[in-house]
PDB file of all heavy atoms in Angstrom:
ATOM      1  N   PRO A   1     -64.946 -24.486   7.518  1.00  0.00           N
ATOM      2  CA  PRO A   1     -66.325 -24.983   7.561  1.00  0.00           C
ATOM      3  C   PRO A   1     -66.615 -26.038   6.507  1.00  0.00           C
ATOM      4  O   PRO A   1     -67.576 -26.806   6.642  1.00  0.00           O
ATOM      5  CB  PRO A   1     -67.159 -23.716   7.314  1.00  0.00           C
ATOM      6  CG  PRO A   1     -66.241 -22.790   6.581  1.00  0.00           C
ATOM      7  CD  PRO A   1     -64.867 -23.069   7.131  1.00  0.00           C
ATOM      8  N   ASP A   2     -65.788 -26.104   5.444  1.00  0.00           N
ATOM      9  CA  ASP A   2     -66.009 -27.085   4.389  1.00  0.00           C
ATOM     10  C   ASP A   2     -65.225 -28.376   4.625  1.00  0.00           C
ATOM     11  O   ASP A   2     -65.151 -29.242   3.750  1.00  0.00           O
ATOM     12  CB  ASP A   2     -65.638 -26.504   3.027  1.00  0.00           C
ATOM     13  CG  ASP A   2     -64.217 -25.924   3.012  1.00  0.00           C
ATOM     14  OD1 ASP A   2     -63.468 -26.171   3.983  1.00  0.00           O
ATOM     15  OD2 ASP A   2     -63.877 -25.234   2.047  1.00  0.00           O
ATOM     16  N   ASN A   3     -64.610 -28.476   5.829  1.00  0.00           N
ATOM     17  CA  ASN A   3     -63.850 -29.673   6.229  1.00  0.00           C
ATOM     18  C   ASN A   3     -62.605 -29.927   5.383  1.00  0.00           C
ATOM     19  O   ASN A   3     -62.025 -31.021   5.433  1.00  0.00           O
ATOM     20  CB  ASN A   3     -64.748 -30.926   6.186  1.00  0.00           C
ATOM     21  CG  ASN A   3     -65.875 -30.860   7.206  1.00  0.00           C
ATOM     22  OD1 ASN A   3     -65.667 -30.416   8.329  1.00  0.00           O
ATOM     23  ND2 ASN A   3     -67.067 -31.283   6.803  1.00  0.00           N
ATOM     24  N   ARG A   4     -62.190 -28.945   4.609  1.00  0.00           N
ATOM     25  CA  ARG A   4     -60.936 -29.083   3.873  1.00  0.00           C
ATOM     26  C   ARG A   4     -59.776 -28.916   4.846  1.00  0.00           C
ATOM     27  O   ARG A   4     -59.919 -28.331   5.910  1.00  0.00           O
ATOM     28  CB  ARG A   4     -60.862 -28.041   2.760  1.00  0.00           C
ATOM     29  CG  ARG A   4     -61.853 -28.279   1.617  1.00  0.00           C
ATOM     30  CD  ARG A   4     -62.007 -27.047   0.744  1.00  0.00           C
ATOM     31  NE  ARG A   4     -60.732 -26.631   0.176  1.00  0.00           N
ATOM     32  CZ  ARG A   4     -60.561 -25.481  -0.483  1.00  0.00           C
ATOM     33  NH1 ARG A   4     -61.580 -24.636  -0.618  1.00  0.00           N
ATOM     34  NH2 ARG A   4     -59.389 -25.186  -0.992  1.00  0.00           N
ATOM     35  N   PRO A   5     -58.575 -29.449   4.493  1.00  0.00           N
ATOM     36  CA  PRO A   5     -57.435 -29.331   5.401  1.00  0.00           C
ATOM     37  C   PRO A   5     -57.001 -27.875   5.580  1.00  0.00           C
ATOM     38  O   PRO A   5     -57.200 -27.046   4.716  1.00  0.00           O
ATOM     39  CB  PRO A   5     -56.340 -30.149   4.711  1.00  0.00           C
ATOM     40  CG  PRO A   5     -56.866 -30.593   3.401  1.00  0.00           C
ATOM     41  CD  PRO A   5     -58.288 -30.191   3.278  1.00  0.00           C
ATOM     42  N   GLY A   6     -56.405 -27.609   6.735  1.00  0.00           N
ATOM     43  CA  GLY A   6     -55.899 -26.271   7.015  1.00  0.00           C
ATOM     44  C   GLY A   6     -56.819 -25.507   7.953  1.00  0.00           C
ATOM     45  O   GLY A   6     -57.965 -25.906   8.208  1.00  0.00           O
ATOM     46  N   MET A   7     -56.294 -24.417   8.491  1.00  0.00           N
ATOM     47  CA  MET A   7     -57.030 -23.580   9.427  1.00  0.00           C
ATOM     48  C   MET A   7     -57.222 -22.195   8.818  1.00  0.00           C
ATOM     49  O   MET A   7     -56.429 -21.743   7.982  1.00  0.00           O
ATOM     50  CB  MET A   7     -56.255 -23.453  10.746  1.00  0.00           C
ATOM     51  CG  MET A   7     -55.878 -24.788  11.381  1.00  0.00           C
ATOM     52  SD  MET A   7     -57.304 -25.650  12.094  1.00  0.00           S
ATOM     53  CE  MET A   7     -57.506 -24.709  13.618  1.00  0.00           C
ATOM     54  N   ILE A   8     -58.278 -21.494   9.234  1.00  0.00           N
ATOM     55  CA  ILE A   8     -58.540 -20.130   8.775  1.00  0.00           C
ATOM     56  C   ILE A   8     -58.788 -19.238   9.984  1.00  0.00           C
ATOM     57  O   ILE A   8     -59.172 -19.713  11.055  1.00  0.00           O
ATOM     58  CB  ILE A   8     -59.739 -20.061   7.813  1.00  0.00           C
ATOM     59  CG1 ILE A   8     -60.982 -20.677   8.461  1.00  0.00           C
ATOM     60  CG2 ILE A   8     -59.408 -20.757   6.496  1.00  0.00           C
ATOM     61  CD1 ILE A   8     -62.232 -20.546   7.604  1.00  0.00           C
ATOM     62  N   ASP A   9     -58.553 -17.939   9.804  1.00  0.00           N
ATOM     63  CA  ASP A   9     -58.686 -17.001  10.925  1.00  0.00           C
ATOM     64  C   ASP A   9     -60.066 -16.361  10.989  1.00  0.00           C
ATOM     65  O   ASP A   9     -60.225 -15.207  11.388  1.00  0.00           O
ATOM     66  CB  ASP A   9     -57.600 -15.925  10.854  1.00  0.00           C
ATOM     67  CG  ASP A   9     -57.530 -15.255   9.488  1.00  0.00           C
ATOM     68  OD1 ASP A   9     -58.427 -15.501   8.653  1.00  0.00           O
ATOM     69  OD2 ASP A   9     -56.567 -14.496   9.251  1.00  0.00           O
ATOM     70  N   VAL A  10     -61.088 -17.126  10.600  1.00  0.00           N
ATOM     71  CA  VAL A  10     -62.476 -16.679  10.645  1.00  0.00           C
ATOM     72  C   VAL A  10     -63.320 -17.800  11.254  1.00  0.00           C
ATOM     73  O   VAL A  10     -63.118 -18.973  10.937  1.00  0.00           O
ATOM     74  CB  VAL A  10     -63.013 -16.352   9.233  1.00  0.00           C
ATOM     75  CG1 VAL A  10     -64.458 -15.874   9.310  1.00  0.00           C
ATOM     76  CG2 VAL A  10     -62.145 -15.310   8.550  1.00  0.00           C
ATOM     77  N   LEU A  11     -64.265 -17.420  12.123  1.00  0.00           N
ATOM     78  CA  LEU A  11     -65.199 -18.392  12.691  1.00  0.00           C
ATOM     79  C   LEU A  11     -66.553 -18.188  12.022  1.00  0.00           C
ATOM     80  O   LEU A  11     -67.145 -17.111  12.114  1.00  0.00           O
ATOM     81  CB  LEU A  11     -65.334 -18.202  14.196  1.00  0.00           C
ATOM     82  CG  LEU A  11     -66.361 -19.103  14.898  1.00  0.00           C
ATOM     83  CD1 LEU A  11     -65.993 -20.576  14.740  1.00  0.00           C
ATOM     84  CD2 LEU A  11     -66.474 -18.733  16.370  1.00  0.00           C
ATOM     85  N   TYR A  12     -67.038 -19.224  11.320  1.00  0.00           N
ATOM     86  CA  TYR A  12     -68.316 -19.138  10.621  1.00  0.00           C
ATOM     87  C   TYR A  12     -69.425 -19.744  11.472  1.00  0.00           C
ATOM     88  O   TYR A  12     -69.228 -20.731  12.177  1.00  0.00           O
ATOM     89  CB  TYR A  12     -68.240 -19.870   9.281  1.00  0.00           C
ATOM     90  CG  TYR A  12     -67.460 -19.110   8.234  1.00  0.00           C
ATOM     91  CD1 TYR A  12     -66.101 -19.321   8.076  1.00  0.00           C
ATOM     92  CD2 TYR A  12     -68.091 -18.163   7.423  1.00  0.00           C
ATOM     93  CE1 TYR A  12     -65.370 -18.617   7.123  1.00  0.00           C
ATOM     94  CE2 TYR A  12     -67.376 -17.456   6.474  1.00  0.00           C
ATOM     95  CZ  TYR A  12     -66.019 -17.684   6.324  1.00  0.00           C
ATOM     96  OH  TYR A  12     -65.302 -16.976   5.391  1.00  0.00           O
ATOM     97  N   TYR A  13     -70.630 -19.131  11.353  1.00  0.00           N
ATOM     98  CA  TYR A  13     -71.802 -19.614  12.071  1.00  0.00           C
ATOM     99  C   TYR A  13     -72.775 -20.267  11.089  1.00  0.00           C
ATOM    100  O   TYR A  13     -72.629 -20.156   9.869  1.00  0.00           O
ATOM    101  CB  TYR A  13     -72.461 -18.460  12.824  1.00  0.00           C
ATOM    102  CG  TYR A  13     -71.530 -17.804  13.818  1.00  0.00           C
ATOM    103  CD1 TYR A  13     -70.811 -16.653  13.480  1.00  0.00           C
ATOM    104  CD2 TYR A  13     -71.337 -18.353  15.082  1.00  0.00           C
ATOM    105  CE1 TYR A  13     -69.939 -16.065  14.383  1.00  0.00           C
ATOM    106  CE2 TYR A  13     -70.466 -17.772  15.992  1.00  0.00           C
ATOM    107  CZ  TYR A  13     -69.761 -16.625  15.632  1.00  0.00           C
ATOM    108  OH  TYR A  13     -68.892 -16.058  16.521  1.00  0.00           O
ATOM    109  N   THR A  14     -73.789 -20.936  11.626  1.00  0.00           N
ATOM    110  CA  THR A  14     -74.693 -21.710  10.781  1.00  0.00           C
ATOM    111  C   THR A  14     -75.496 -20.845   9.809  1.00  0.00           C
ATOM    112  O   THR A  14     -75.954 -21.332   8.778  1.00  0.00           O
ATOM    113  CB  THR A  14     -75.669 -22.519  11.649  1.00  0.00           C
ATOM    114  OG1 THR A  14     -76.361 -21.636  12.551  1.00  0.00           O
ATOM    115  CG2 THR A  14     -74.919 -23.569  12.462  1.00  0.00           C
ATOM    116  N   ASP A  15     -75.673 -19.559  10.117  1.00  0.00           N
ATOM    117  CA  ASP A  15     -76.438 -18.685   9.220  1.00  0.00           C
ATOM    118  C   ASP A  15     -75.555 -18.030   8.163  1.00  0.00           C
ATOM    119  O   ASP A  15     -76.031 -17.196   7.380  1.00  0.00           O
ATOM    120  CB  ASP A  15     -77.178 -17.610  10.013  1.00  0.00           C
ATOM    121  CG  ASP A  15     -76.235 -16.677  10.777  1.00  0.00           C
ATOM    122  OD1 ASP A  15     -75.011 -16.929  10.791  1.00  0.00           O
ATOM    123  OD2 ASP A  15     -76.727 -15.698  11.370  1.00  0.00           O
ATOM    124  N   GLY A  16     -74.262 -18.381   8.140  1.00  0.00           N
ATOM    125  CA  GLY A  16     -73.357 -17.810   7.150  1.00  0.00           C
ATOM    126  C   GLY A  16     -72.615 -16.576   7.612  1.00  0.00           C
ATOM    127  O   GLY A  16     -71.691 -16.107   6.930  1.00  0.00           O
ATOM    128  N   SER A  17     -73.013 -16.014   8.754  1.00  0.00           N
ATOM    129  CA  SER A  17     -72.280 -14.869   9.303  1.00  0.00           C
ATOM    130  C   SER A  17     -70.982 -15.363   9.929  1.00  0.00           C
ATOM    131  O   SER A  17     -70.766 -16.576  10.074  1.00  0.00           O
ATOM    132  CB  SER A  17     -73.130 -14.128  10.339  1.00  0.00           C
ATOM    133  OG  SER A  17     -73.431 -14.982  11.435  1.00  0.00           O
ATOM    134  N   ALA A  18     -70.119 -14.438  10.307  1.00  0.00           N
ATOM    135  CA  ALA A  18     -68.797 -14.845  10.792  1.00  0.00           C
ATOM    136  C   ALA A  18     -68.231 -13.815  11.753  1.00  0.00           C
ATOM    137  O   ALA A  18     -68.730 -12.680  11.852  1.00  0.00           O
ATOM    138  CB  ALA A  18     -67.850 -15.038   9.607  1.00  0.00           C
ATOM    139  N   SER A  19     -67.182 -14.210  12.460  1.00  0.00           N
ATOM    140  CA  SER A  19     -66.507 -13.304  13.381  1.00  0.00           C
ATOM    141  C   SER A  19     -65.014 -13.592  13.370  1.00  0.00           C
ATOM    142  O   SER A  19     -64.558 -14.622  12.861  1.00  0.00           O
ATOM    143  CB  SER A  19     -67.053 -13.455  14.808  1.00  0.00           C
ATOM    144  OG  SER A  19     -66.737 -14.739  15.333  1.00  0.00           O
ATOM    145  N   VAL A  20     -64.258 -12.659  13.926  1.00  0.00           N
ATOM    146  CA  VAL A  20     -62.813 -12.831  14.068  1.00  0.00           C
ATOM    147  C   VAL A  20     -62.439 -12.528  15.516  1.00  0.00           C
ATOM    148  O   VAL A  20     -63.173 -11.840  16.229  1.00  0.00           O
ATOM    149  CB  VAL A  20     -62.024 -11.891  13.122  1.00  0.00           C
ATOM    150  CG1 VAL A  20     -62.284 -12.247  11.670  1.00  0.00           C
ATOM    151  CG2 VAL A  20     -62.379 -10.423  13.378  1.00  0.00           C
ATOM    152  N   GLU A  21     -61.315 -13.063  15.947  1.00  0.00           N
ATOM    153  CA  GLU A  21     -60.827 -12.812  17.306  1.00  0.00           C
ATOM    154  C   GLU A  21     -59.367 -12.399  17.241  1.00  0.00           C
ATOM    155  O   GLU A  21     -58.549 -13.074  16.622  1.00  0.00           O
ATOM    156  CB  GLU A  21     -60.971 -14.044  18.182  1.00  0.00           C
ATOM    157  CG  GLU A  21     -60.541 -13.797  19.636  1.00  0.00           C
ATOM    158  CD  GLU A  21     -60.706 -15.027  20.508  1.00  0.00           C
ATOM    159  OE1 GLU A  21     -60.312 -16.123  20.055  1.00  0.00           O
ATOM    160  OE2 GLU A  21     -61.209 -14.898  21.635  1.00  0.00           O
ATOM    161  N   CYS A  22     -59.072 -11.278  17.888  1.00  0.00           N
ATOM    162  CA  CYS A  22     -57.713 -10.733  17.897  1.00  0.00           C
ATOM    163  C   CYS A  22     -57.132 -10.800  19.302  1.00  0.00           C
ATOM    164  O   CYS A  22     -57.835 -10.554  20.288  1.00  0.00           O
ATOM    165  CB  CYS A  22     -57.723  -9.280  17.419  1.00  0.00           C
ATOM    166  SG  CYS A  22     -56.106  -8.455  17.456  1.00  0.00           S
ATOM    167  N   THR A  23     -55.852 -11.136  19.393  1.00  0.00           N
ATOM    168  CA  THR A  23     -55.123 -11.111  20.660  1.00  0.00           C
ATOM    169  C   THR A  23     -53.921 -10.195  20.508  1.00  0.00           C
ATOM    170  O   THR A  23     -53.158 -10.304  19.552  1.00  0.00           O
ATOM    171  CB  THR A  23     -54.632 -12.518  21.049  1.00  0.00           C
ATOM    172  OG1 THR A  23     -55.758 -13.366  21.244  1.00  0.00           O
ATOM    173  CG2 THR A  23     -53.815 -12.468  22.336  1.00  0.00           C
ATOM    174  N   VAL A  24     -53.796  -9.262  21.441  1.00  0.00           N
ATOM    175  CA  VAL A  24     -52.631  -8.378  21.491  1.00  0.00           C
ATOM    176  C   VAL A  24     -51.793  -8.784  22.688  1.00  0.00           C
ATOM    177  O   VAL A  24     -52.318  -8.948  23.795  1.00  0.00           O
ATOM    178  CB  VAL A  24     -53.047  -6.900  21.602  1.00  0.00           C
ATOM    179  CG1 VAL A  24     -51.816  -6.015  21.841  1.00  0.00           C
ATOM    180  CG2 VAL A  24     -53.775  -6.444  20.341  1.00  0.00           C
ATOM    181  N   GLU A  25     -50.506  -8.977  22.466  1.00  0.00           N
ATOM    182  CA  GLU A  25     -49.584  -9.328  23.541  1.00  0.00           C
ATOM    183  C   GLU A  25     -48.538  -8.231  23.682  1.00  0.00           C
ATOM    184  O   GLU A  25     -47.914  -7.830  22.700  1.00  0.00           O
ATOM    185  CB  GLU A  25     -48.901 -10.658  23.254  1.00  0.00           C
ATOM    186  CG  GLU A  25     -47.921 -11.085  24.358  1.00  0.00           C
ATOM    187  CD  GLU A  25     -47.311 -12.443  24.087  1.00  0.00           C
ATOM    188  OE1 GLU A  25     -47.993 -13.459  24.321  1.00  0.00           O
ATOM    189  OE2 GLU A  25     -46.150 -12.489  23.623  1.00  0.00           O
ATOM    190  N   ILE A  26     -48.376  -7.757  24.897  1.00  0.00           N
ATOM    191  CA  ILE A  26     -47.378  -6.723  25.215  1.00  0.00           C
ATOM    192  C   ILE A  26     -46.388  -7.316  26.205  1.00  0.00           C
ATOM    193  O   ILE A  26     -46.780  -7.892  27.225  1.00  0.00           O
ATOM    194  CB  ILE A  26     -48.048  -5.469  25.815  1.00  0.00           C
ATOM    195  CG1 ILE A  26     -48.999  -4.832  24.785  1.00  0.00           C
ATOM    196  CG2 ILE A  26     -46.999  -4.456  26.262  1.00  0.00           C
ATOM    197  CD1 ILE A  26     -49.772  -3.648  25.332  1.00  0.00           C
ATOM    198  N   ARG A  27     -45.120  -7.177  25.895  1.00  0.00           N
ATOM    199  CA  ARG A  27     -44.071  -7.679  26.789  1.00  0.00           C
ATOM    200  C   ARG A  27     -43.199  -6.518  27.259  1.00  0.00           C
ATOM    201  O   ARG A  27     -42.852  -5.617  26.500  1.00  0.00           O
ATOM    202  CB  ARG A  27     -43.209  -8.712  26.064  1.00  0.00           C
ATOM    203  CG  ARG A  27     -43.935  -9.994  25.712  1.00  0.00           C
ATOM    204  CD  ARG A  27     -43.000 -11.010  25.085  1.00  0.00           C
ATOM    205  NE  ARG A  27     -42.517 -10.547  23.784  1.00  0.00           N
ATOM    206  CZ  ARG A  27     -43.120 -10.838  22.627  1.00  0.00           C
ATOM    207  NH1 ARG A  27     -44.223 -11.561  22.626  1.00  0.00           N
ATOM    208  NH2 ARG A  27     -42.622 -10.412  21.494  1.00  0.00           N
ATOM    209  N   LYS A  28     -42.837  -6.582  28.534  1.00  0.00           N
ATOM    210  CA  LYS A  28     -41.924  -5.590  29.114  1.00  0.00           C
ATOM    211  C   LYS A  28     -41.124  -6.289  30.212  1.00  0.00           C
ATOM    212  O   LYS A  28     -41.688  -6.675  31.240  1.00  0.00           O
ATOM    213  CB  LYS A  28     -42.683  -4.386  29.687  1.00  0.00           C
ATOM    214  CG  LYS A  28     -41.765  -3.273  30.175  1.00  0.00           C
ATOM    215  CD  LYS A  28     -42.555  -2.049  30.617  1.00  0.00           C
ATOM    216  CE  LYS A  28     -41.604  -0.932  31.058  1.00  0.00           C
ATOM    217  NZ  LYS A  28     -42.351   0.266  31.525  1.00  0.00           N
ATOM    218  N   GLY A  29     -39.843  -6.454  29.967  1.00  0.00           N
ATOM    219  CA  GLY A  29     -39.027  -7.190  30.919  1.00  0.00           C
ATOM    220  C   GLY A  29     -39.489  -8.628  31.010  1.00  0.00           C
ATOM    221  O   GLY A  29     -39.629  -9.312  30.002  1.00  0.00           O
ATOM    222  N   GLU A  30     -39.784  -9.064  32.224  1.00  0.00           N
ATOM    223  CA  GLU A  30     -40.241 -10.431  32.441  1.00  0.00           C
ATOM    224  C   GLU A  30     -41.754 -10.561  32.407  1.00  0.00           C
ATOM    225  O   GLU A  30     -42.292 -11.660  32.513  1.00  0.00           O
ATOM    226  CB  GLU A  30     -39.720 -10.931  33.807  1.00  0.00           C
ATOM    227  CG  GLU A  30     -38.202 -10.956  33.934  1.00  0.00           C
ATOM    228  CD  GLU A  30     -37.566 -11.905  32.930  1.00  0.00           C
ATOM    229  OE1 GLU A  30     -38.135 -12.991  32.706  1.00  0.00           O
ATOM    230  OE2 GLU A  30     -36.518 -11.549  32.356  1.00  0.00           O
ATOM    231  N   GLU A  31     -42.459  -9.441  32.268  1.00  0.00           N
ATOM    232  CA  GLU A  31     -43.917  -9.472  32.313  1.00  0.00           C
ATOM    233  C   GLU A  31     -44.523  -9.524  30.916  1.00  0.00           C
ATOM    234  O   GLU A  31     -43.978  -8.959  29.958  1.00  0.00           O
ATOM    235  CB  GLU A  31     -44.462  -8.237  33.041  1.00  0.00           C
ATOM    236  CG  GLU A  31     -44.333  -8.291  34.553  1.00  0.00           C
ATOM    237  CD  GLU A  31     -45.192  -7.214  35.209  1.00  0.00           C
ATOM    238  OE1 GLU A  31     -46.388  -7.464  35.446  1.00  0.00           O
ATOM    239  OE2 GLU A  31     -44.656  -6.132  35.475  1.00  0.00           O
ATOM    240  N   THR A  32     -45.685 -10.173  30.823  1.00  0.00           N
ATOM    241  CA  THR A  32     -46.445 -10.250  29.580  1.00  0.00           C
ATOM    242  C   THR A  32     -47.910  -9.962  29.878  1.00  0.00           C
ATOM    243  O   THR A  32     -48.468 -10.469  30.860  1.00  0.00           O
ATOM    244  CB  THR A  32     -46.325 -11.642  28.933  1.00  0.00           C
ATOM    245  OG1 THR A  32     -44.953 -11.906  28.626  1.00  0.00           O
ATOM    246  CG2 THR A  32     -47.143 -11.709  27.650  1.00  0.00           C
ATOM    247  N   TYR A  33     -48.508  -9.153  29.042  1.00  0.00           N
ATOM    248  CA  TYR A  33     -49.930  -8.818  29.181  1.00  0.00           C
ATOM    249  C   TYR A  33     -50.626  -9.148  27.869  1.00  0.00           C
ATOM    250  O   TYR A  33     -50.254  -8.636  26.815  1.00  0.00           O
ATOM    251  CB  TYR A  33     -50.091  -7.341  29.531  1.00  0.00           C
ATOM    252  CG  TYR A  33     -51.502  -6.814  29.543  1.00  0.00           C
ATOM    253  CD1 TYR A  33     -52.583  -7.601  29.947  1.00  0.00           C
ATOM    254  CD2 TYR A  33     -51.766  -5.498  29.160  1.00  0.00           C
ATOM    255  CE1 TYR A  33     -53.874  -7.108  29.956  1.00  0.00           C
ATOM    256  CE2 TYR A  33     -53.061  -4.988  29.175  1.00  0.00           C
ATOM    257  CZ  TYR A  33     -54.107  -5.795  29.566  1.00  0.00           C
ATOM    258  OH  TYR A  33     -55.389  -5.308  29.577  1.00  0.00           O
ATOM    259  N   ARG A  34     -51.634 -10.038  27.937  1.00  0.00           N
ATOM    260  CA  ARG A  34     -52.380 -10.448  26.749  1.00  0.00           C
ATOM    261  C   ARG A  34     -53.860 -10.090  26.911  1.00  0.00           C
ATOM    262  O   ARG A  34     -54.421 -10.236  27.992  1.00  0.00           O
ATOM    263  CB  ARG A  34     -52.256 -11.961  26.516  1.00  0.00           C
ATOM    264  CG  ARG A  34     -50.887 -12.394  26.049  1.00  0.00           C
ATOM    265  CD  ARG A  34     -50.767 -13.918  26.032  1.00  0.00           C
ATOM    266  NE  ARG A  34     -51.736 -14.542  25.144  1.00  0.00           N
ATOM    267  CZ  ARG A  34     -51.534 -14.788  23.845  1.00  0.00           C
ATOM    268  NH1 ARG A  34     -50.372 -14.443  23.294  1.00  0.00           N
ATOM    269  NH2 ARG A  34     -52.455 -15.372  23.113  1.00  0.00           N
ATOM    270  N   GLN A  35     -54.440  -9.625  25.812  1.00  0.00           N
ATOM    271  CA  GLN A  35     -55.862  -9.307  25.813  1.00  0.00           C
ATOM    272  C   GLN A  35     -56.463  -9.815  24.503  1.00  0.00           C
ATOM    273  O   GLN A  35     -55.924  -9.564  23.417  1.00  0.00           O
ATOM    274  CB  GLN A  35     -56.099  -7.795  25.924  1.00  0.00           C
ATOM    275  CG  GLN A  35     -57.544  -7.364  25.882  1.00  0.00           C
ATOM    276  CD  GLN A  35     -58.306  -7.778  27.129  1.00  0.00           C
ATOM    277  OE1 GLN A  35     -57.792  -7.674  28.242  1.00  0.00           O
ATOM    278  NE2 GLN A  35     -59.538  -8.260  26.954  1.00  0.00           N
ATOM    279  N   SER A  36     -57.583 -10.546  24.602  1.00  0.00           N
ATOM    280  CA  SER A  36     -58.251 -11.072  23.413  1.00  0.00           C
ATOM    281  C   SER A  36     -59.665 -10.527  23.322  1.00  0.00           C
ATOM    282  O   SER A  36     -60.357 -10.373  24.342  1.00  0.00           O
ATOM    283  CB  SER A  36     -58.309 -12.606  23.457  1.00  0.00           C
ATOM    284  OG  SER A  36     -57.005 -13.160  23.457  1.00  0.00           O
ATOM    285  N   THR A  37     -60.094 -10.243  22.092  1.00  0.00           N
ATOM    286  CA  THR A  37     -61.424  -9.705  21.853  1.00  0.00           C
ATOM    287  C   THR A  37     -61.941 -10.225  20.517  1.00  0.00           C
ATOM    288  O   THR A  37     -61.175 -10.357  19.568  1.00  0.00           O
ATOM    289  CB  THR A  37     -61.398  -8.161  21.800  1.00  0.00           C
ATOM    290  OG1 THR A  37     -60.798  -7.654  22.980  1.00  0.00           O
ATOM    291  CG2 THR A  37     -62.804  -7.594  21.698  1.00  0.00           C
ATOM    292  N   TRP A  38     -63.210 -10.523  20.427  1.00  0.00           N
ATOM    293  CA  TRP A  38     -63.807 -10.943  19.170  1.00  0.00           C
ATOM    294  C   TRP A  38     -64.683  -9.835  18.605  1.00  0.00           C
ATOM    295  O   TRP A  38     -65.095  -8.918  19.310  1.00  0.00           O
ATOM    296  CB  TRP A  38     -64.624 -12.217  19.363  1.00  0.00           C
ATOM    297  CG  TRP A  38     -65.957 -11.979  20.029  1.00  0.00           C
ATOM    298  CD1 TRP A  38     -66.185 -11.818  21.367  1.00  0.00           C
ATOM    299  CD2 TRP A  38     -67.214 -11.848  19.373  1.00  0.00           C
ATOM    300  NE1 TRP A  38     -67.513 -11.588  21.604  1.00  0.00           N
ATOM    301  CE2 TRP A  38     -68.184 -11.608  20.390  1.00  0.00           C
ATOM    302  CE3 TRP A  38     -67.631 -11.901  18.046  1.00  0.00           C
ATOM    303  CZ2 TRP A  38     -69.527 -11.422  20.097  1.00  0.00           C
ATOM    304  CZ3 TRP A  38     -68.985 -11.720  17.762  1.00  0.00           C
ATOM    305  CH2 TRP A  38     -69.910 -11.495  18.779  1.00  0.00           C
ATOM    306  N   ARG A  39     -64.967  -9.940  17.317  1.00  0.00           N
ATOM    307  CA  ARG A  39     -65.823  -8.948  16.658  1.00  0.00           C
ATOM    308  C   ARG A  39     -66.529  -9.599  15.470  1.00  0.00           C
ATOM    309  O   ARG A  39     -65.902 -10.299  14.679  1.00  0.00           O
ATOM    310  CB  ARG A  39     -65.002  -7.760  16.159  1.00  0.00           C
ATOM    311  CG  ARG A  39     -65.832  -6.613  15.586  1.00  0.00           C
ATOM    312  CD  ARG A  39     -64.920  -5.493  15.094  1.00  0.00           C
ATOM    313  NE  ARG A  39     -65.662  -4.286  14.775  1.00  0.00           N
ATOM    314  CZ  ARG A  39     -66.259  -4.059  13.617  1.00  0.00           C
ATOM    315  NH1 ARG A  39     -66.211  -4.978  12.662  1.00  0.00           N
ATOM    316  NH2 ARG A  39     -66.896  -2.926  13.397  1.00  0.00           N
TER     317      ARG A  39
END
């Protein structure tokens, strides 16, 4: 949010609050199952 170089794993909002988003990936054989959720 301060425009400095690099990325962070937090999303900040205009009121100063923030959230995170997690993705879980499960692989079995040739199949892959991904699920993403924010909090």
